[in-house]
Amino acid sequence: MSKSVDTSFIPDLPKAGPLSEYRKRAKFDWKDLKLIFEEEQTLKTKYRVWKLLEEDPLFAKSKTSLPTNELKRLAAMQMNHMAKLNLVPDE
């Protein structure tokens, strides 16, 4: 596959891990393959949303088990915050 498509916006996979040996043996560029299955704009939106949510403390994983009422309150706060972020671009 030719390298005419820009894949620089796709983050690299971890260098170390249980699959790293198999990734080194691959004879194809997984980023090009990813763009075959998903449109570029869709992927850019996904990565932008994931980055925003990872950096936002409201979406951080709780260190303790929360009671049901607190989980419901947190979910409502997260939903309202996501609506304010306007994450999906207009088509």
PDB file of N, CA and C in Angstrom:
ATOM      1  N   MET A   1       0.844  -1.173   0.000  1.00  0.00           N
ATOM      2  CA  MET A   1       0.000   0.000   0.000  1.00  0.00           C
ATOM      3  C   MET A   1       0.889   1.237   0.000  1.00  0.00           C
ATOM      4  N   SER A   2       0.569   2.214  -0.826  1.00  0.00           N
ATOM      5  CA  SER A   2       1.382   3.427  -0.902  1.00  0.00           C
ATOM      6  C   SER A   2       1.151   4.293   0.327  1.00  0.00           C
ATOM      7  N   LYS A   3       2.127   5.128   0.620  1.00  0.00           N
ATOM      8  CA  LYS A   3       2.087   5.958   1.829  1.00  0.00           C
ATOM      9  C   LYS A   3       1.532   7.341   1.507  1.00  0.00           C
ATOM     10  N   SER A   4       0.537   7.450   0.621  1.00  0.00           N
ATOM     11  CA  SER A   4      -0.004   8.743   0.230  1.00  0.00           C
ATOM     12  C   SER A   4      -0.988   9.309   1.257  1.00  0.00           C
ATOM     13  N   VAL A   5      -1.467   8.476   2.158  1.00  0.00           N
ATOM     14  CA  VAL A   5      -2.443   8.905   3.154  1.00  0.00           C
ATOM     15  C   VAL A   5      -1.713   9.338   4.424  1.00  0.00           C
ATOM     16  N   ASP A   6      -2.142  10.468   4.991  1.00  0.00           N
ATOM     17  CA  ASP A   6      -1.541  10.961   6.227  1.00  0.00           C
ATOM     18  C   ASP A   6      -2.126  10.207   7.415  1.00  0.00           C
ATOM     19  N   THR A   7      -1.274   9.490   8.133  1.00  0.00           N
ATOM     20  CA  THR A   7      -1.710   8.753   9.317  1.00  0.00           C
ATOM     21  C   THR A   7      -1.070   9.307  10.588  1.00  0.00           C
ATOM     22  N   SER A   8      -0.512  10.495  10.501  1.00  0.00           N
ATOM     23  CA  SER A   8       0.212  11.058  11.648  1.00  0.00           C
ATOM     24  C   SER A   8      -0.708  11.377  12.831  1.00  0.00           C
ATOM     25  N   PHE A   9      -1.994  11.541  12.589  1.00  0.00           N
ATOM     26  CA  PHE A   9      -2.929  11.855  13.676  1.00  0.00           C
ATOM     27  C   PHE A   9      -3.288  10.618  14.504  1.00  0.00           C
ATOM     28  N   ILE A  10      -2.951   9.431  14.022  1.00  0.00           N
ATOM     29  CA  ILE A  10      -3.237   8.191  14.747  1.00  0.00           C
ATOM     30  C   ILE A  10      -2.088   7.927  15.717  1.00  0.00           C
ATOM     31  N   PRO A  11      -2.375   7.829  17.012  1.00  0.00           N
ATOM     32  CA  PRO A  11      -1.291   7.604  17.975  1.00  0.00           C
ATOM     33  C   PRO A  11      -0.656   6.227  17.801  1.00  0.00           C
ATOM     34  N   ASP A  12       0.629   6.147  18.101  1.00  0.00           N
ATOM     35  CA  ASP A  12       1.343   4.879  18.007  1.00  0.00           C
ATOM     36  C   ASP A  12       0.893   3.932  19.111  1.00  0.00           C
ATOM     37  N   LEU A  13       1.038   2.642  18.833  1.00  0.00           N
ATOM     38  CA  LEU A  13       0.743   1.632  19.840  1.00  0.00           C
ATOM     39  C   LEU A  13       1.886   1.576  20.844  1.00  0.00           C
ATOM     40  N   PRO A  14       1.648   1.019  22.026  1.00  0.00           N
ATOM     41  CA  PRO A  14       2.731   0.904  23.010  1.00  0.00           C
ATOM     42  C   PRO A  14       3.897   0.091  22.451  1.00  0.00           C
ATOM     43  N   LYS A  15       5.114   0.519  22.761  1.00  0.00           N
ATOM     44  CA  LYS A  15       6.315  -0.173  22.264  1.00  0.00           C
ATOM     45  C   LYS A  15       6.517  -1.517  22.958  1.00  0.00           C
ATOM     46  N   ALA A  16       6.211  -1.594  24.240  1.00  0.00           N
ATOM     47  CA  ALA A  16       6.398  -2.831  24.993  1.00  0.00           C
ATOM     48  C   ALA A  16       5.042  -3.406  25.370  1.00  0.00           C
ATOM     49  N   GLY A  17       4.989  -4.711  25.404  1.00  0.00           N
ATOM     50  CA  GLY A  17       3.749  -5.372  25.783  1.00  0.00           C
ATOM     51  C   GLY A  17       3.719  -6.779  25.233  1.00  0.00           C
ATOM     52  N   PRO A  18       2.675  -7.521  25.541  1.00  0.00           N
ATOM     53  CA  PRO A  18       2.625  -8.921  25.124  1.00  0.00           C
ATOM     54  C   PRO A  18       2.521  -9.112  23.608  1.00  0.00           C
ATOM     55  N   LEU A  19       2.060  -8.105  22.881  1.00  0.00           N
ATOM     56  CA  LEU A  19       1.907  -8.239  21.431  1.00  0.00           C
ATOM     57  C   LEU A  19       3.022  -7.563  20.640  1.00  0.00           C
ATOM     58  N   SER A  20       3.984  -6.961  21.301  1.00  0.00           N
ATOM     59  CA  SER A  20       5.015  -6.185  20.601  1.00  0.00           C
ATOM     60  C   SER A  20       5.823  -7.040  19.631  1.00  0.00           C
ATOM     61  N   GLU A  21       6.117  -8.281  19.995  1.00  0.00           N
ATOM     62  CA  GLU A  21       6.888  -9.164  19.102  1.00  0.00           C
ATOM     63  C   GLU A  21       6.123  -9.417  17.806  1.00  0.00           C
ATOM     64  N   TYR A  22       4.825  -9.625  17.895  1.00  0.00           N
ATOM     65  CA  TYR A  22       4.004  -9.883  16.709  1.00  0.00           C
ATOM     66  C   TYR A  22       3.850  -8.620  15.867  1.00  0.00           C
ATOM     67  N   ARG A  23       3.774  -7.474  16.513  1.00  0.00           N
ATOM     68  CA  ARG A  23       3.670  -6.209  15.782  1.00  0.00           C
ATOM     69  C   ARG A  23       4.927  -5.947  14.966  1.00  0.00           C
ATOM     70  N   LYS A  24       6.085  -6.333  15.502  1.00  0.00           N
ATOM     71  CA  LYS A  24       7.348  -6.150  14.772  1.00  0.00           C
ATOM     72  C   LYS A  24       7.387  -7.002  13.512  1.00  0.00           C
ATOM     73  N   ARG A  25       6.740  -8.159  13.553  1.00  0.00           N
ATOM     74  CA  ARG A  25       6.747  -9.079  12.411  1.00  0.00           C
ATOM     75  C   ARG A  25       5.763  -8.684  11.307  1.00  0.00           C
ATOM     76  N   ALA A  26       4.863  -7.792  11.587  1.00  0.00           N
ATOM     77  CA  ALA A  26       3.812  -7.432  10.620  1.00  0.00           C
ATOM     78  C   ALA A  26       4.422  -6.888   9.334  1.00  0.00           C
ATOM     79  N   LYS A  27       3.837  -7.273   8.221  1.00  0.00           N
ATOM     80  CA  LYS A  27       4.320  -6.836   6.915  1.00  0.00           C
ATOM     81  C   LYS A  27       3.433  -5.741   6.327  1.00  0.00           C
ATOM     82  N   PHE A  28       2.594  -5.165   7.141  1.00  0.00           N
ATOM     83  CA  PHE A  28       1.709  -4.096   6.689  1.00  0.00           C
ATOM     84  C   PHE A  28       1.691  -2.995   7.738  1.00  0.00           C
ATOM     85  N   ASP A  29       1.258  -1.824   7.331  1.00  0.00           N
ATOM     86  CA  ASP A  29       1.134  -0.697   8.257  1.00  0.00           C
ATOM     87  C   ASP A  29      -0.281  -0.720   8.833  1.00  0.00           C
ATOM     88  N   TRP A  30      -0.382  -0.952  10.127  1.00  0.00           N
ATOM     89  CA  TRP A  30      -1.698  -1.081  10.753  1.00  0.00           C
ATOM     90  C   TRP A  30      -2.498   0.209  10.674  1.00  0.00           C
ATOM     91  N   LYS A  31      -1.813   1.342  10.592  1.00  0.00           N
ATOM     92  CA  LYS A  31      -2.524   2.620  10.499  1.00  0.00           C
ATOM     93  C   LYS A  31      -3.231   2.742   9.148  1.00  0.00           C
ATOM     94  N   ASP A  32      -2.580   2.275   8.083  1.00  0.00           N
ATOM     95  CA  ASP A  32      -3.231   2.271   6.769  1.00  0.00           C
ATOM     96  C   ASP A  32      -4.447   1.349   6.785  1.00  0.00           C
ATOM     97  N   LEU A  33      -4.306   0.204   7.429  1.00  0.00           N
ATOM     98  CA  LEU A  33      -5.416  -0.739   7.531  1.00  0.00           C
ATOM     99  C   LEU A  33      -6.584  -0.123   8.300  1.00  0.00           C
ATOM    100  N   LYS A  34      -6.272   0.599   9.355  1.00  0.00           N
ATOM    101  CA  LYS A  34      -7.314   1.264  10.154  1.00  0.00           C
ATOM    102  C   LYS A  34      -8.105   2.246   9.290  1.00  0.00           C
ATOM    103  N   LEU A  35      -7.405   2.951   8.396  1.00  0.00           N
ATOM    104  CA  LEU A  35      -8.079   3.913   7.519  1.00  0.00           C
ATOM    105  C   LEU A  35      -8.911   3.231   6.434  1.00  0.00           C
ATOM    106  N   ILE A  36      -8.650   1.972   6.178  1.00  0.00           N
ATOM    107  CA  ILE A  36      -9.488   1.227   5.233  1.00  0.00           C
ATOM    108  C   ILE A  36     -10.853   0.948   5.863  1.00  0.00           C
ATOM    109  N   PHE A  37     -10.841   0.645   7.158  1.00  0.00           N
ATOM    110  CA  PHE A  37     -12.082   0.280   7.847  1.00  0.00           C
ATOM    111  C   PHE A  37     -12.874   1.472   8.366  1.00  0.00           C
ATOM    112  N   GLU A  38     -12.202   2.587   8.630  1.00  0.00           N
ATOM    113  CA  GLU A  38     -12.889   3.768   9.156  1.00  0.00           C
ATOM    114  C   GLU A  38     -12.454   5.007   8.388  1.00  0.00           C
ATOM    115  N   GLU A  39     -13.377   5.927   8.198  1.00  0.00           N
ATOM    116  CA  GLU A  39     -13.064   7.164   7.488  1.00  0.00           C
ATOM    117  C   GLU A  39     -12.144   8.048   8.318  1.00  0.00           C
ATOM    118  N   GLU A  40     -11.323   8.817   7.628  1.00  0.00           N
ATOM    119  CA  GLU A  40     -10.345   9.673   8.294  1.00  0.00           C
ATOM    120  C   GLU A  40     -11.012  10.652   9.261  1.00  0.00           C
ATOM    121  N   GLN A  41     -12.087  11.298   8.826  1.00  0.00           N
ATOM    122  CA  GLN A  41     -12.758  12.281   9.684  1.00  0.00           C
ATOM    123  C   GLN A  41     -13.342  11.623  10.932  1.00  0.00           C
ATOM    124  N   THR A  42     -13.872  10.413  10.785  1.00  0.00           N
ATOM    125  CA  THR A  42     -14.413   9.682  11.931  1.00  0.00           C
ATOM    126  C   THR A  42     -13.319   9.376  12.940  1.00  0.00           C
ATOM    127  N   LEU A  43     -12.171   8.922  12.450  1.00  0.00           N
ATOM    128  CA  LEU A  43     -11.050   8.620  13.343  1.00  0.00           C
ATOM    129  C   LEU A  43     -10.531   9.870  14.037  1.00  0.00           C
ATOM    130  N   LYS A  44     -10.431  10.963  13.301  1.00  0.00           N
ATOM    131  CA  LYS A  44      -9.955  12.210  13.909  1.00  0.00           C
ATOM    132  C   LYS A  44     -10.899  12.653  15.023  1.00  0.00           C
ATOM    133  N   THR A  45     -12.205  12.510  14.789  1.00  0.00           N
ATOM    134  CA  THR A  45     -13.188  12.873  15.810  1.00  0.00           C
ATOM    135  C   THR A  45     -13.053  11.967  17.028  1.00  0.00           C
ATOM    136  N   LYS A  46     -12.904  10.656  16.801  1.00  0.00           N
ATOM    137  CA  LYS A  46     -12.744   9.711  17.907  1.00  0.00           C
ATOM    138  C   LYS A  46     -11.539  10.054  18.769  1.00  0.00           C
ATOM    139  N   TYR A  47     -10.400  10.283  18.130  1.00  0.00           N
ATOM    140  CA  TYR A  47      -9.182  10.564  18.890  1.00  0.00           C
ATOM    141  C   TYR A  47      -9.283  11.897  19.623  1.00  0.00           C
ATOM    142  N   ARG A  48      -9.946  12.868  19.037  1.00  0.00           N
ATOM    143  CA  ARG A  48     -10.125  14.162  19.702  1.00  0.00           C
ATOM    144  C   ARG A  48     -11.017  14.001  20.940  1.00  0.00           C
ATOM    145  N   VAL A  49     -12.098  13.245  20.798  1.00  0.00           N
ATOM    146  CA  VAL A  49     -13.018  13.012  21.918  1.00  0.00           C
ATOM    147  C   VAL A  49     -12.316  12.238  23.033  1.00  0.00           C
ATOM    148  N   TRP A  50     -11.604  11.163  22.670  1.00  0.00           N
ATOM    149  CA  TRP A  50     -10.912  10.360  23.680  1.00  0.00           C
ATOM    150  C   TRP A  50      -9.903  11.202  24.444  1.00  0.00           C
ATOM    151  N   LYS A  51      -9.168  12.050  23.735  1.00  0.00           N
ATOM    152  CA  LYS A  51      -8.155  12.888  24.385  1.00  0.00           C
ATOM    153  C   LYS A  51      -8.815  13.868  25.361  1.00  0.00           C
ATOM    154  N   LEU A  52      -9.911  14.484  24.923  1.00  0.00           N
ATOM    155  CA  LEU A  52     -10.624  15.414  25.805  1.00  0.00           C
ATOM    156  C   LEU A  52     -11.137  14.719  27.063  1.00  0.00           C
ATOM    157  N   LEU A  53     -11.704  13.532  26.897  1.00  0.00           N
ATOM    158  CA  LEU A  53     -12.264  12.818  28.040  1.00  0.00           C
ATOM    159  C   LEU A  53     -11.171  12.298  28.971  1.00  0.00           C
ATOM    160  N   GLU A  54     -10.053  11.874  28.417  1.00  0.00           N
ATOM    161  CA  GLU A  54      -8.940  11.407  29.252  1.00  0.00           C
ATOM    162  C   GLU A  54      -8.372  12.528  30.116  1.00  0.00           C
ATOM    163  N   GLU A  55      -8.359  13.732  29.578  1.00  0.00           N
ATOM    164  CA  GLU A  55      -7.769  14.868  30.289  1.00  0.00           C
ATOM    165  C   GLU A  55      -8.737  15.530  31.270  1.00  0.00           C
ATOM    166  N   ASP A  56     -10.016  15.229  31.161  1.00  0.00           N
ATOM    167  CA  ASP A  56     -11.024  15.868  32.010  1.00  0.00           C
ATOM    168  C   ASP A  56     -11.177  15.106  33.329  1.00  0.00           C
ATOM    169  N   PRO A  57     -10.972  15.765  34.466  1.00  0.00           N
ATOM    170  CA  PRO A  57     -11.067  15.072  35.761  1.00  0.00           C
ATOM    171  C   PRO A  57     -12.463  14.532  36.072  1.00  0.00           C
ATOM    172  N   LEU A  58     -13.490  15.080  35.450  1.00  0.00           N
ATOM    173  CA  LEU A  58     -14.850  14.593  35.679  1.00  0.00           C
ATOM    174  C   LEU A  58     -15.009  13.144  35.203  1.00  0.00           C
ATOM    175  N   PHE A  59     -14.190  12.734  34.219  1.00  0.00           N
ATOM    176  CA  PHE A  59     -14.287  11.390  33.659  1.00  0.00           C
ATOM    177  C   PHE A  59     -13.217  10.448  34.207  1.00  0.00           C
ATOM    178  N   ALA A  60     -12.457  10.901  35.181  1.00  0.00           N
ATOM    179  CA  ALA A  60     -11.414  10.061  35.780  1.00  0.00           C
ATOM    180  C   ALA A  60     -12.056   8.905  36.546  1.00  0.00           C
ATOM    181  N   LYS A  61     -11.379   7.773  36.516  1.00  0.00           N
ATOM    182  CA  LYS A  61     -11.885   6.599  37.226  1.00  0.00           C
ATOM    183  C   LYS A  61     -11.799   6.834  38.730  1.00  0.00           C
ATOM    184  N   SER A  62     -12.869   6.476  39.418  1.00  0.00           N
ATOM    185  CA  SER A  62     -12.919   6.655  40.867  1.00  0.00           C
ATOM    186  C   SER A  62     -12.010   5.633  41.550  1.00  0.00           C
ATOM    187  N   LYS A  63     -11.332   6.074  42.585  1.00  0.00           N
ATOM    188  CA  LYS A  63     -10.431   5.186  43.324  1.00  0.00           C
ATOM    189  C   LYS A  63     -11.196   4.277  44.284  1.00  0.00           C
ATOM    190  N   THR A  64     -12.423   4.638  44.584  1.00  0.00           N
ATOM    191  CA  THR A  64     -13.252   3.835  45.489  1.00  0.00           C
ATOM    192  C   THR A  64     -14.557   3.464  44.794  1.00  0.00           C
ATOM    193  N   SER A  65     -15.232   2.492  45.336  1.00  0.00           N
ATOM    194  CA  SER A  65     -16.533   2.089  44.821  1.00  0.00           C
ATOM    195  C   SER A  65     -17.580   3.095  45.297  1.00  0.00           C
ATOM    196  N   LEU A  66     -18.305   3.665  44.354  1.00  0.00           N
ATOM    197  CA  LEU A  66     -19.289   4.691  44.696  1.00  0.00           C
ATOM    198  C   LEU A  66     -20.671   4.078  44.892  1.00  0.00           C
ATOM    199  N   PRO A  67     -21.471   4.654  45.798  1.00  0.00           N
ATOM    200  CA  PRO A  67     -22.854   4.188  45.955  1.00  0.00           C
ATOM    201  C   PRO A  67     -23.672   4.494  44.693  1.00  0.00           C
ATOM    202  N   THR A  68     -24.755   3.783  44.523  1.00  0.00           N
ATOM    203  CA  THR A  68     -25.580   3.918  43.324  1.00  0.00           C
ATOM    204  C   THR A  68     -26.040   5.352  43.091  1.00  0.00           C
ATOM    205  N   ASN A  69     -26.499   6.026  44.121  1.00  0.00           N
ATOM    206  CA  ASN A  69     -26.961   7.411  43.952  1.00  0.00           C
ATOM    207  C   ASN A  69     -25.837   8.318  43.464  1.00  0.00           C
ATOM    208  N   GLU A  70     -24.635   8.106  43.986  1.00  0.00           N
ATOM    209  CA  GLU A  70     -23.487   8.909  43.559  1.00  0.00           C
ATOM    210  C   GLU A  70     -23.114   8.599  42.105  1.00  0.00           C
ATOM    211  N   LEU A  71     -23.213   7.328  41.708  1.00  0.00           N
ATOM    212  CA  LEU A  71     -22.944   6.949  40.316  1.00  0.00           C
ATOM    213  C   LEU A  71     -23.939   7.613  39.362  1.00  0.00           C
ATOM    214  N   LYS A  72     -25.202   7.642  39.765  1.00  0.00           N
ATOM    215  CA  LYS A  72     -26.231   8.284  38.937  1.00  0.00           C
ATOM    216  C   LYS A  72     -25.964   9.781  38.806  1.00  0.00           C
ATOM    217  N   ARG A  73     -25.596  10.417  39.918  1.00  0.00           N
ATOM    218  CA  ARG A  73     -25.294  11.848  39.899  1.00  0.00           C
ATOM    219  C   ARG A  73     -24.080  12.133  39.012  1.00  0.00           C
ATOM    220  N   LEU A  74     -23.052  11.298  39.130  1.00  0.00           N
ATOM    221  CA  LEU A  74     -21.845  11.463  38.318  1.00  0.00           C
ATOM    222  C   LEU A  74     -22.156  11.272  36.831  1.00  0.00           C
ATOM    223  N   ALA A  75     -22.962  10.263  36.512  1.00  0.00           N
ATOM    224  CA  ALA A  75     -23.338  10.016  35.120  1.00  0.00           C
ATOM    225  C   ALA A  75     -24.109  11.199  34.538  1.00  0.00           C
ATOM    226  N   ALA A  76     -24.998  11.785  35.329  1.00  0.00           N
ATOM    227  CA  ALA A  76     -25.755  12.955  34.867  1.00  0.00           C
ATOM    228  C   ALA A  76     -24.823  14.143  34.640  1.00  0.00           C
ATOM    229  N   MET A  77     -23.872  14.337  35.546  1.00  0.00           N
ATOM    230  CA  MET A  77     -22.906  15.428  35.380  1.00  0.00           C
ATOM    231  C   MET A  77     -22.049  15.221  34.127  1.00  0.00           C
ATOM    232  N   GLN A  78     -21.627  13.971  33.899  1.00  0.00           N
ATOM    233  CA  GLN A  78     -20.822  13.666  32.715  1.00  0.00           C
ATOM    234  C   GLN A  78     -21.622  13.898  31.438  1.00  0.00           C
ATOM    235  N   MET A  79     -22.885  13.477  31.434  1.00  0.00           N
ATOM    236  CA  MET A  79     -23.732  13.661  30.258  1.00  0.00           C
ATOM    237  C   MET A  79     -23.926  15.148  29.951  1.00  0.00           C
ATOM    238  N   ASN A  80     -24.199  15.941  30.969  1.00  0.00           N
ATOM    239  CA  ASN A  80     -24.367  17.384  30.768  1.00  0.00           C
ATOM    240  C   ASN A  80     -23.071  18.031  30.282  1.00  0.00           C
ATOM    241  N   HIS A  81     -21.957  17.591  30.828  1.00  0.00           N
ATOM    242  CA  HIS A  81     -20.662  18.142  30.422  1.00  0.00           C
ATOM    243  C   HIS A  81     -20.350  17.786  28.965  1.00  0.00           C
ATOM    244  N   MET A  82     -20.674  16.554  28.563  1.00  0.00           N
ATOM    245  CA  MET A  82     -20.436  16.143  27.175  1.00  0.00           C
ATOM    246  C   MET A  82     -21.291  16.963  26.215  1.00  0.00           C
ATOM    247  N   ALA A  83     -22.517  17.271  26.607  1.00  0.00           N
ATOM    248  CA  ALA A  83     -23.380  18.094  25.758  1.00  0.00           C
ATOM    249  C   ALA A  83     -22.789  19.489  25.583  1.00  0.00           C
ATOM    250  N   LYS A  84     -22.186  20.031  26.639  1.00  0.00           N
ATOM    251  CA  LYS A  84     -21.571  21.360  26.564  1.00  0.00           C
ATOM    252  C   LYS A  84     -20.302  21.365  25.715  1.00  0.00           C
ATOM    253  N   LEU A  85     -19.593  20.235  25.679  1.00  0.00           N
ATOM    254  CA  LEU A  85     -18.336  20.165  24.927  1.00  0.00           C
ATOM    255  C   LEU A  85     -18.551  20.198  23.415  1.00  0.00           C
ATOM    256  N   ASN A  86     -19.754  19.848  22.948  1.00  0.00           N
ATOM    257  CA  ASN A  86     -20.057  19.828  21.515  1.00  0.00           C
ATOM    258  C   ASN A  86     -18.998  19.015  20.767  1.00  0.00           C
ATOM    259  N   LEU A  87     -18.911  17.736  21.095  1.00  0.00           N
ATOM    260  CA  LEU A  87     -17.833  16.880  20.612  1.00  0.00           C
ATOM    261  C   LEU A  87     -17.953  16.465  19.153  1.00  0.00           C
ATOM    262  N   VAL A  88     -19.157  16.309  18.655  1.00  0.00           N
ATOM    263  CA  VAL A  88     -19.339  15.823  17.289  1.00  0.00           C
ATOM    264  C   VAL A  88     -19.516  17.010  16.349  1.00  0.00           C
ATOM    265  N   PRO A  89     -18.704  17.064  15.285  1.00  0.00           N
ATOM    266  CA  PRO A  89     -18.822  18.194  14.354  1.00  0.00           C
ATOM    267  C   PRO A  89     -20.124  18.128  13.555  1.00  0.00           C
ATOM    268  N   ASP A  90     -20.632  19.276  13.164  1.00  0.00           N
ATOM    269  CA  ASP A  90     -21.830  19.331  12.328  1.00  0.00           C
ATOM    270  C   ASP A  90     -21.488  18.832  10.935  1.00  0.00           C
ATOM    271  N   GLU A  91     -22.442  18.123  10.336  1.00  0.00           N
ATOM    272  CA  GLU A  91     -22.196  17.599   8.984  1.00  0.00           C
ATOM    273  C   GLU A  91     -22.759  18.517   7.942  1.00  0.00           C
TER     274      GLU A  91
END
